[in-house]
């Protein structure tokens, strides 16, 4: 199970994990909460919905560092929780299987400036190093950097260090992903596609679905490879609201 936040960083992080799991043939379920009805972060109810779908591990992305009740509930149900997050922790941490977060109180990585998608990418690099070589050969992690760069700019984290590298490389392949290519073409952004365009033209539109409707739409858009569906997502949501 993947529990993602409802902004661009959360949806991009969810898409990164989802794409990776699809490529190595792992079944997974997605849960992105409703901003107005459910608020930020996992709840007992949302975890139960994932558990009802027979998941045996839950990843939280862009959230989870302060989700004590939900993690305790998962533990009682014998479900492991892996937190991939970048929000500041308290001294006490939920009793998750693992909390990967450069803003843990005890972290010494000096990568506190990363957004969640940046953290997820590092996690996938490590995971890719330990899966069987046959599975690893199917995956080009560098092709994921468009999503990492999108999230990095959208979350307004400083473009320094690893973030700068993410964005520099991600911009080179930004239009290689069909959904992003159609998106920037639809809104006439192709000629001047840089970090400023993403910050003020792309990210606000993608964030809008989580604010006025369902952020699950943003996730669906980011993983879609069907041009007709992609156009439908654009016309039904962002075209109407902006």
C-alpha atoms as a PDB file:
ATOM      1  CA  UNK A   1       0.000   0.000   0.000  1.00  0.00           C
ATOM      2  CA  UNK A   2       1.173   3.523  -0.798  1.00  0.00           C
ATOM      3  CA  UNK A   3      -0.293   6.374   1.240  1.00  0.00           C
ATOM      4  CA  UNK A   4       0.564   9.689  -0.398  1.00  0.00           C
ATOM      5  CA  UNK A   5       0.011  13.321   0.470  1.00  0.00           C
ATOM      6  CA  UNK A   6      -2.344  15.414  -1.654  1.00  0.00           C
ATOM      7  CA  UNK A   7       0.105  17.989  -3.058  1.00  0.00           C
ATOM      8  CA  UNK A   8       2.439  17.694  -6.053  1.00  0.00           C
ATOM      9  CA  UNK A   9       5.290  16.369  -3.922  1.00  0.00           C
ATOM     10  CA  UNK A  10       3.030  13.689  -2.466  1.00  0.00           C
ATOM     11  CA  UNK A  11       1.492  12.729  -5.811  1.00  0.00           C
ATOM     12  CA  UNK A  12       4.904  12.657  -7.514  1.00  0.00           C
ATOM     13  CA  UNK A  13       6.338  10.530  -4.699  1.00  0.00           C
ATOM     14  CA  UNK A  14       3.393   8.156  -4.999  1.00  0.00           C
ATOM     15  CA  UNK A  15       3.898   7.981  -8.764  1.00  0.00           C
ATOM     16  CA  UNK A  16       7.626   7.239  -8.304  1.00  0.00           C
ATOM     17  CA  UNK A  17       6.901   4.278  -6.029  1.00  0.00           C
ATOM     18  CA  UNK A  18       3.969   3.133  -8.157  1.00  0.00           C
ATOM     19  CA  UNK A  19       5.992   3.188 -11.368  1.00  0.00           C
ATOM     20  CA  UNK A  20       8.828   1.299  -9.718  1.00  0.00           C
ATOM     21  CA  UNK A  21       6.573  -1.375  -8.239  1.00  0.00           C
ATOM     22  CA  UNK A  22       4.835  -1.792 -11.618  1.00  0.00           C
ATOM     23  CA  UNK A  23       8.183  -2.312 -13.332  1.00  0.00           C
ATOM     24  CA  UNK A  24       9.168  -5.087 -10.936  1.00  0.00           C
ATOM     25  CA  UNK A  25       5.679  -6.635 -11.089  1.00  0.00           C
ATOM     26  CA  UNK A  26       4.578  -5.929  -7.514  1.00  0.00           C
ATOM     27  CA  UNK A  27       0.878  -5.446  -6.853  1.00  0.00           C
ATOM     28  CA  UNK A  28       0.035  -2.326  -4.865  1.00  0.00           C
ATOM     29  CA  UNK A  29      -2.847  -0.156  -3.718  1.00  0.00           C
ATOM     30  CA  UNK A  30      -2.942   3.652  -3.569  1.00  0.00           C
ATOM     31  CA  UNK A  31      -4.543   5.924  -0.984  1.00  0.00           C
ATOM     32  CA  UNK A  32      -4.447   9.708  -1.229  1.00  0.00           C
ATOM     33  CA  UNK A  33      -6.649  11.493   1.338  1.00  0.00           C
ATOM     34  CA  UNK A  34      -9.207  14.190   0.647  1.00  0.00           C
ATOM     35  CA  UNK A  35      -7.742  17.503   1.827  1.00  0.00           C
ATOM     36  CA  UNK A  36     -11.056  18.869   3.148  1.00  0.00           C
ATOM     37  CA  UNK A  37     -12.633  15.722   4.559  1.00  0.00           C
ATOM     38  CA  UNK A  38      -9.593  13.903   5.948  1.00  0.00           C
ATOM     39  CA  UNK A  39      -6.826  16.457   6.358  1.00  0.00           C
ATOM     40  CA  UNK A  40      -3.104  15.788   6.307  1.00  0.00           C
ATOM     41  CA  UNK A  41      -1.479  12.433   6.937  1.00  0.00           C
ATOM     42  CA  UNK A  42      -2.648   8.869   7.518  1.00  0.00           C
ATOM     43  CA  UNK A  43      -5.447   7.971   9.892  1.00  0.00           C
ATOM     44  CA  UNK A  44      -6.664   4.709  11.388  1.00  0.00           C
ATOM     45  CA  UNK A  45      -9.568   4.748   8.915  1.00  0.00           C
ATOM     46  CA  UNK A  46      -7.340   5.204   5.874  1.00  0.00           C
ATOM     47  CA  UNK A  47      -4.941   2.486   6.992  1.00  0.00           C
ATOM     48  CA  UNK A  48      -7.874   0.147   7.586  1.00  0.00           C
ATOM     49  CA  UNK A  49      -9.041   0.734   4.002  1.00  0.00           C
ATOM     50  CA  UNK A  50      -5.628  -0.329   2.745  1.00  0.00           C
ATOM     51  CA  UNK A  51      -5.566  -3.322   5.099  1.00  0.00           C
ATOM     52  CA  UNK A  52      -9.001  -4.348   3.810  1.00  0.00           C
ATOM     53  CA  UNK A  53      -7.408  -4.544   0.359  1.00  0.00           C
ATOM     54  CA  UNK A  54      -4.972  -7.180   1.688  1.00  0.00           C
ATOM     55  CA  UNK A  55      -1.820  -5.076   1.765  1.00  0.00           C
ATOM     56  CA  UNK A  56       0.947  -6.370   4.031  1.00  0.00           C
ATOM     57  CA  UNK A  57       3.255  -3.324   3.924  1.00  0.00           C
ATOM     58  CA  UNK A  58       2.267   0.341   3.887  1.00  0.00           C
ATOM     59  CA  UNK A  59       4.566   3.071   2.584  1.00  0.00           C
ATOM     60  CA  UNK A  60       3.738   6.630   3.597  1.00  0.00           C
ATOM     61  CA  UNK A  61       5.228   9.271   1.315  1.00  0.00           C
ATOM     62  CA  UNK A  62       5.487  12.974   2.162  1.00  0.00           C
ATOM     63  CA  UNK A  63       3.844  12.223   5.511  1.00  0.00           C
ATOM     64  CA  UNK A  64       3.910   9.732   8.395  1.00  0.00           C
ATOM     65  CA  UNK A  65       6.666  11.103  10.626  1.00  0.00           C
ATOM     66  CA  UNK A  66       4.105  12.265  13.196  1.00  0.00           C
ATOM     67  CA  UNK A  67       1.427   9.610  12.562  1.00  0.00           C
ATOM     68  CA  UNK A  68       1.641   7.832  15.914  1.00  0.00           C
ATOM     69  CA  UNK A  69      -1.966   6.584  16.092  1.00  0.00           C
ATOM     70  CA  UNK A  70      -2.107   5.232  12.536  1.00  0.00           C
ATOM     71  CA  UNK A  71       1.275   3.486  12.833  1.00  0.00           C
ATOM     72  CA  UNK A  72       0.342   1.949  16.198  1.00  0.00           C
ATOM     73  CA  UNK A  73      -2.879   0.675  14.658  1.00  0.00           C
ATOM     74  CA  UNK A  74      -0.987  -0.886  11.744  1.00  0.00           C
ATOM     75  CA  UNK A  75       1.366  -2.586  14.192  1.00  0.00           C
ATOM     76  CA  UNK A  76      -1.599  -4.128  16.015  1.00  0.00           C
ATOM     77  CA  UNK A  77      -2.741  -5.504  12.658  1.00  0.00           C
ATOM     78  CA  UNK A  78       0.759  -6.909  11.954  1.00  0.00           C
ATOM     79  CA  UNK A  79       1.293  -4.509   9.059  1.00  0.00           C
ATOM     80  CA  UNK A  80       4.754  -3.005   8.584  1.00  0.00           C
ATOM     81  CA  UNK A  81       4.888   0.743   7.893  1.00  0.00           C
ATOM     82  CA  UNK A  82       7.795   2.365   6.051  1.00  0.00           C
ATOM     83  CA  UNK A  83       7.823   6.160   6.238  1.00  0.00           C
ATOM     84  CA  UNK A  84       9.471   8.136   3.408  1.00  0.00           C
ATOM     85  CA  UNK A  85       9.161  11.740   4.452  1.00  0.00           C
ATOM     86  CA  UNK A  86      10.972  15.059   4.832  1.00  0.00           C
ATOM     87  CA  UNK A  87       8.963  16.863   7.512  1.00  0.00           C
ATOM     88  CA  UNK A  88      10.531  17.751  10.838  1.00  0.00           C
ATOM     89  CA  UNK A  89      10.267  15.023  13.466  1.00  0.00           C
ATOM     90  CA  UNK A  90       9.831  15.177  17.199  1.00  0.00           C
ATOM     91  CA  UNK A  91      12.288  13.471  19.532  1.00  0.00           C
ATOM     92  CA  UNK A  92       9.764  10.654  19.852  1.00  0.00           C
ATOM     93  CA  UNK A  93       9.122   8.727  16.637  1.00  0.00           C
ATOM     94  CA  UNK A  94       6.268   6.417  15.640  1.00  0.00           C
ATOM     95  CA  UNK A  95       7.139   2.736  15.997  1.00  0.00           C
ATOM     96  CA  UNK A  96       7.245   2.176  12.255  1.00  0.00           C
ATOM     97  CA  UNK A  97       9.345  -0.547  10.643  1.00  0.00           C
ATOM     98  CA  UNK A  98      11.523   2.256   9.235  1.00  0.00           C
ATOM     99  CA  UNK A  99      11.435   6.050   9.074  1.00  0.00           C
ATOM    100  CA  UNK A 100      13.561   7.388   6.225  1.00  0.00           C
ATOM    101  CA  UNK A 101      13.630  11.135   6.751  1.00  0.00           C
ATOM    102  CA  UNK A 102      16.550  13.589   6.505  1.00  0.00           C
ATOM    103  CA  UNK A 103      14.723  15.783   9.027  1.00  0.00           C
ATOM    104  CA  UNK A 104      14.668  13.185  11.782  1.00  0.00           C
ATOM    105  CA  UNK A 105      16.061  14.658  14.953  1.00  0.00           C
ATOM    106  CA  UNK A 106      18.924  12.147  14.844  1.00  0.00           C
ATOM    107  CA  UNK A 107      19.756  12.351  11.117  1.00  0.00           C
ATOM    108  CA  UNK A 108      23.320  13.164  10.105  1.00  0.00           C
ATOM    109  CA  UNK A 109      23.001  13.062   6.319  1.00  0.00           C
ATOM    110  CA  UNK A 110      22.954  16.870   5.787  1.00  0.00           C
ATOM    111  CA  UNK A 111      20.172  16.318   3.231  1.00  0.00           C
ATOM    112  CA  UNK A 112      17.538  18.182   5.238  1.00  0.00           C
ATOM    113  CA  UNK A 113      16.707  20.325   2.188  1.00  0.00           C
ATOM    114  CA  UNK A 114      15.210  17.446   0.146  1.00  0.00           C
ATOM    115  CA  UNK A 115      11.515  17.195  -0.650  1.00  0.00           C
ATOM    116  CA  UNK A 116       9.746  13.852  -0.249  1.00  0.00           C
ATOM    117  CA  UNK A 117      10.269  12.843  -3.878  1.00  0.00           C
ATOM    118  CA  UNK A 118      14.007  13.407  -3.432  1.00  0.00           C
ATOM    119  CA  UNK A 119      13.951  11.082  -0.437  1.00  0.00           C
ATOM    120  CA  UNK A 120      11.915   8.494  -2.351  1.00  0.00           C
ATOM    121  CA  UNK A 121      14.418   8.586  -5.214  1.00  0.00           C
ATOM    122  CA  UNK A 122      17.324   7.837  -2.852  1.00  0.00           C
ATOM    123  CA  UNK A 123      15.274   4.999  -1.357  1.00  0.00           C
ATOM    124  CA  UNK A 124      14.687   3.569  -4.845  1.00  0.00           C
ATOM    125  CA  UNK A 125      18.385   3.787  -5.680  1.00  0.00           C
ATOM    126  CA  UNK A 126      19.130   1.671  -2.613  1.00  0.00           C
ATOM    127  CA  UNK A 127      16.239  -0.712  -3.251  1.00  0.00           C
ATOM    128  CA  UNK A 128      17.359  -1.131  -6.847  1.00  0.00           C
ATOM    129  CA  UNK A 129      20.793  -2.187  -5.652  1.00  0.00           C
ATOM    130  CA  UNK A 130      19.434  -5.145  -3.675  1.00  0.00           C
ATOM    131  CA  UNK A 131      16.764  -6.591  -5.982  1.00  0.00           C
ATOM    132  CA  UNK A 132      17.701  -9.439  -8.367  1.00  0.00           C
ATOM    133  CA  UNK A 133      19.849  -8.383 -11.309  1.00  0.00           C
ATOM    134  CA  UNK A 134      17.216  -9.589 -13.771  1.00  0.00           C
ATOM    135  CA  UNK A 135      14.646  -7.179 -12.315  1.00  0.00           C
ATOM    136  CA  UNK A 136      17.188  -4.379 -11.989  1.00  0.00           C
ATOM    137  CA  UNK A 137      18.015  -4.521 -15.685  1.00  0.00           C
ATOM    138  CA  UNK A 138      14.446  -3.446 -16.546  1.00  0.00           C
ATOM    139  CA  UNK A 139      14.733  -0.143 -14.731  1.00  0.00           C
ATOM    140  CA  UNK A 140      16.389   3.133 -15.663  1.00  0.00           C
ATOM    141  CA  UNK A 141      16.099   5.226 -12.517  1.00  0.00           C
ATOM    142  CA  UNK A 142      17.430   8.301 -14.319  1.00  0.00           C
ATOM    143  CA  UNK A 143      14.169   8.325 -16.287  1.00  0.00           C
ATOM    144  CA  UNK A 144      12.373   9.043 -12.985  1.00  0.00           C
ATOM    145  CA  UNK A 145      14.133  12.372 -12.493  1.00  0.00           C
ATOM    146  CA  UNK A 146      11.455  14.345 -14.336  1.00  0.00           C
ATOM    147  CA  UNK A 147       9.041  13.549 -11.504  1.00  0.00           C
ATOM    148  CA  UNK A 148      11.690  14.299  -8.879  1.00  0.00           C
ATOM    149  CA  UNK A 149      12.464  17.655 -10.486  1.00  0.00           C
ATOM    150  CA  UNK A 150       8.754  18.507 -10.711  1.00  0.00           C
ATOM    151  CA  UNK A 151       8.239  17.802  -7.016  1.00  0.00           C
ATOM    152  CA  UNK A 152      11.431  19.585  -5.999  1.00  0.00           C
ATOM    153  CA  UNK A 153      10.386  22.811  -7.698  1.00  0.00           C
ATOM    154  CA  UNK A 154       6.733  22.505  -6.688  1.00  0.00           C
ATOM    155  CA  UNK A 155       7.601  22.065  -3.004  1.00  0.00           C
ATOM    156  CA  UNK A 156       9.741  25.242  -3.049  1.00  0.00           C
ATOM    157  CA  UNK A 157      12.768  23.594  -1.464  1.00  0.00           C
ATOM    158  CA  UNK A 158      16.145  25.284  -2.059  1.00  0.00           C
ATOM    159  CA  UNK A 159      17.849  24.442  -5.347  1.00  0.00           C
ATOM    160  CA  UNK A 160      21.169  23.534  -3.766  1.00  0.00           C
ATOM    161  CA  UNK A 161      23.255  20.378  -3.647  1.00  0.00           C
ATOM    162  CA  UNK A 162      21.372  17.269  -4.674  1.00  0.00           C
ATOM    163  CA  UNK A 163      18.204  19.269  -5.402  1.00  0.00           C
ATOM    164  CA  UNK A 164      20.047  21.293  -8.014  1.00  0.00           C
ATOM    165  CA  UNK A 165      21.262  18.099  -9.674  1.00  0.00           C
ATOM    166  CA  UNK A 166      17.745  16.627  -9.610  1.00  0.00           C
ATOM    167  CA  UNK A 167      16.260  19.670 -11.333  1.00  0.00           C
ATOM    168  CA  UNK A 168      19.079  20.116 -13.850  1.00  0.00           C
ATOM    169  CA  UNK A 169      18.840  16.504 -15.019  1.00  0.00           C
ATOM    170  CA  UNK A 170      15.055  16.302 -14.683  1.00  0.00           C
ATOM    171  CA  UNK A 171      14.482  19.297 -16.953  1.00  0.00           C
ATOM    172  CA  UNK A 172      16.450  17.553 -19.698  1.00  0.00           C
ATOM    173  CA  UNK A 173      13.917  14.725 -19.833  1.00  0.00           C
ATOM    174  CA  UNK A 174      10.815  16.563 -18.619  1.00  0.00           C
ATOM    175  CA  UNK A 175       8.979  16.114 -21.916  1.00  0.00           C
ATOM    176  CA  UNK A 176       9.978  12.477 -22.274  1.00  0.00           C
ATOM    177  CA  UNK A 177       7.040  11.543 -20.030  1.00  0.00           C
ATOM    178  CA  UNK A 178       3.941  11.651 -22.239  1.00  0.00           C
ATOM    179  CA  UNK A 179       1.644  13.236 -19.657  1.00  0.00           C
ATOM    180  CA  UNK A 180       4.055  16.124 -19.024  1.00  0.00           C
ATOM    181  CA  UNK A 181       4.718  16.609 -22.727  1.00  0.00           C
ATOM    182  CA  UNK A 182       0.991  16.873 -23.466  1.00  0.00           C
ATOM    183  CA  UNK A 183       0.495  19.130 -20.448  1.00  0.00           C
ATOM    184  CA  UNK A 184       3.132  21.708 -21.388  1.00  0.00           C
ATOM    185  CA  UNK A 185       2.003  21.623 -25.025  1.00  0.00           C
ATOM    186  CA  UNK A 186      -1.652  22.109 -24.044  1.00  0.00           C
ATOM    187  CA  UNK A 187      -0.824  25.212 -22.002  1.00  0.00           C
ATOM    188  CA  UNK A 188       1.770  26.523 -24.509  1.00  0.00           C
ATOM    189  CA  UNK A 189       4.696  26.216 -22.085  1.00  0.00           C
ATOM    190  CA  UNK A 190       7.077  24.305 -24.346  1.00  0.00           C
ATOM    191  CA  UNK A 191       9.172  27.229 -25.561  1.00  0.00           C
ATOM    192  CA  UNK A 192      10.202  28.429 -22.125  1.00  0.00           C
ATOM    193  CA  UNK A 193      10.257  25.330 -19.942  1.00  0.00           C
ATOM    194  CA  UNK A 194      12.478  25.993 -16.954  1.00  0.00           C
ATOM    195  CA  UNK A 195      12.215  25.894 -13.148  1.00  0.00           C
ATOM    196  CA  UNK A 196      10.323  29.197 -13.119  1.00  0.00           C
ATOM    197  CA  UNK A 197       7.737  27.906 -15.587  1.00  0.00           C
ATOM    198  CA  UNK A 198       7.260  24.778 -13.501  1.00  0.00           C
ATOM    199  CA  UNK A 199       6.950  26.802 -10.287  1.00  0.00           C
ATOM    200  CA  UNK A 200       4.370  29.288 -11.600  1.00  0.00           C
ATOM    201  CA  UNK A 201       2.610  27.489 -14.464  1.00  0.00           C
ATOM    202  CA  UNK A 202       2.848  23.718 -14.015  1.00  0.00           C
ATOM    203  CA  UNK A 203       2.865  23.129 -10.241  1.00  0.00           C
ATOM    204  CA  UNK A 204      -0.146  25.369  -9.386  1.00  0.00           C
ATOM    205  CA  UNK A 205      -2.289  23.593 -11.954  1.00  0.00           C
ATOM    206  CA  UNK A 206      -1.288  20.159 -10.677  1.00  0.00           C
ATOM    207  CA  UNK A 207      -1.867  21.277  -7.074  1.00  0.00           C
ATOM    208  CA  UNK A 208      -5.327  22.553  -7.934  1.00  0.00           C
ATOM    209  CA  UNK A 209      -6.921  19.107  -8.167  1.00  0.00           C
ATOM    210  CA  UNK A 210      -6.009  18.402  -4.538  1.00  0.00           C
ATOM    211  CA  UNK A 211      -7.469  21.728  -3.432  1.00  0.00           C
ATOM    212  CA  UNK A 212     -10.794  21.711  -5.285  1.00  0.00           C
ATOM    213  CA  UNK A 213     -11.316  18.010  -5.901  1.00  0.00           C
ATOM    214  CA  UNK A 214      -9.286  14.835  -5.538  1.00  0.00           C
ATOM    215  CA  UNK A 215      -5.481  14.725  -5.589  1.00  0.00           C
ATOM    216  CA  UNK A 216      -5.822  11.143  -6.801  1.00  0.00           C
ATOM    217  CA  UNK A 217      -6.393  12.739 -10.213  1.00  0.00           C
ATOM    218  CA  UNK A 218      -2.867  14.195 -10.139  1.00  0.00           C
ATOM    219  CA  UNK A 219      -1.444  10.753  -9.395  1.00  0.00           C
ATOM    220  CA  UNK A 220      -3.494   9.189 -12.205  1.00  0.00           C
ATOM    221  CA  UNK A 221      -2.298  11.890 -14.570  1.00  0.00           C
ATOM    222  CA  UNK A 222       1.369  11.399 -13.655  1.00  0.00           C
ATOM    223  CA  UNK A 223       1.296   7.641 -14.275  1.00  0.00           C
ATOM    224  CA  UNK A 224      -0.930   7.673 -17.366  1.00  0.00           C
ATOM    225  CA  UNK A 225       0.458   6.623 -20.742  1.00  0.00           C
ATOM    226  CA  UNK A 226      -2.827   6.917 -22.639  1.00  0.00           C
ATOM    227  CA  UNK A 227      -2.984  10.230 -24.566  1.00  0.00           C
ATOM    228  CA  UNK A 228      -6.797  10.248 -24.570  1.00  0.00           C
ATOM    229  CA  UNK A 229      -6.968   9.824 -20.799  1.00  0.00           C
ATOM    230  CA  UNK A 230      -4.309  12.475 -20.310  1.00  0.00           C
ATOM    231  CA  UNK A 231      -6.283  14.979 -22.382  1.00  0.00           C
ATOM    232  CA  UNK A 232      -9.410  14.025 -20.468  1.00  0.00           C
ATOM    233  CA  UNK A 233      -7.720  14.728 -17.114  1.00  0.00           C
ATOM    234  CA  UNK A 234      -6.577  18.121 -18.379  1.00  0.00           C
ATOM    235  CA  UNK A 235      -9.941  19.103 -19.827  1.00  0.00           C
ATOM    236  CA  UNK A 236     -12.010  17.921 -16.868  1.00  0.00           C
ATOM    237  CA  UNK A 237      -9.925  19.509 -14.154  1.00  0.00           C
ATOM    238  CA  UNK A 238      -7.228  22.068 -14.790  1.00  0.00           C
ATOM    239  CA  UNK A 239      -8.797  23.631 -17.869  1.00  0.00           C
ATOM    240  CA  UNK A 240     -11.946  24.414 -15.913  1.00  0.00           C
ATOM    241  CA  UNK A 241     -10.359  25.714 -12.733  1.00  0.00           C
ATOM    242  CA  UNK A 242      -7.567  27.855 -14.151  1.00  0.00           C
END
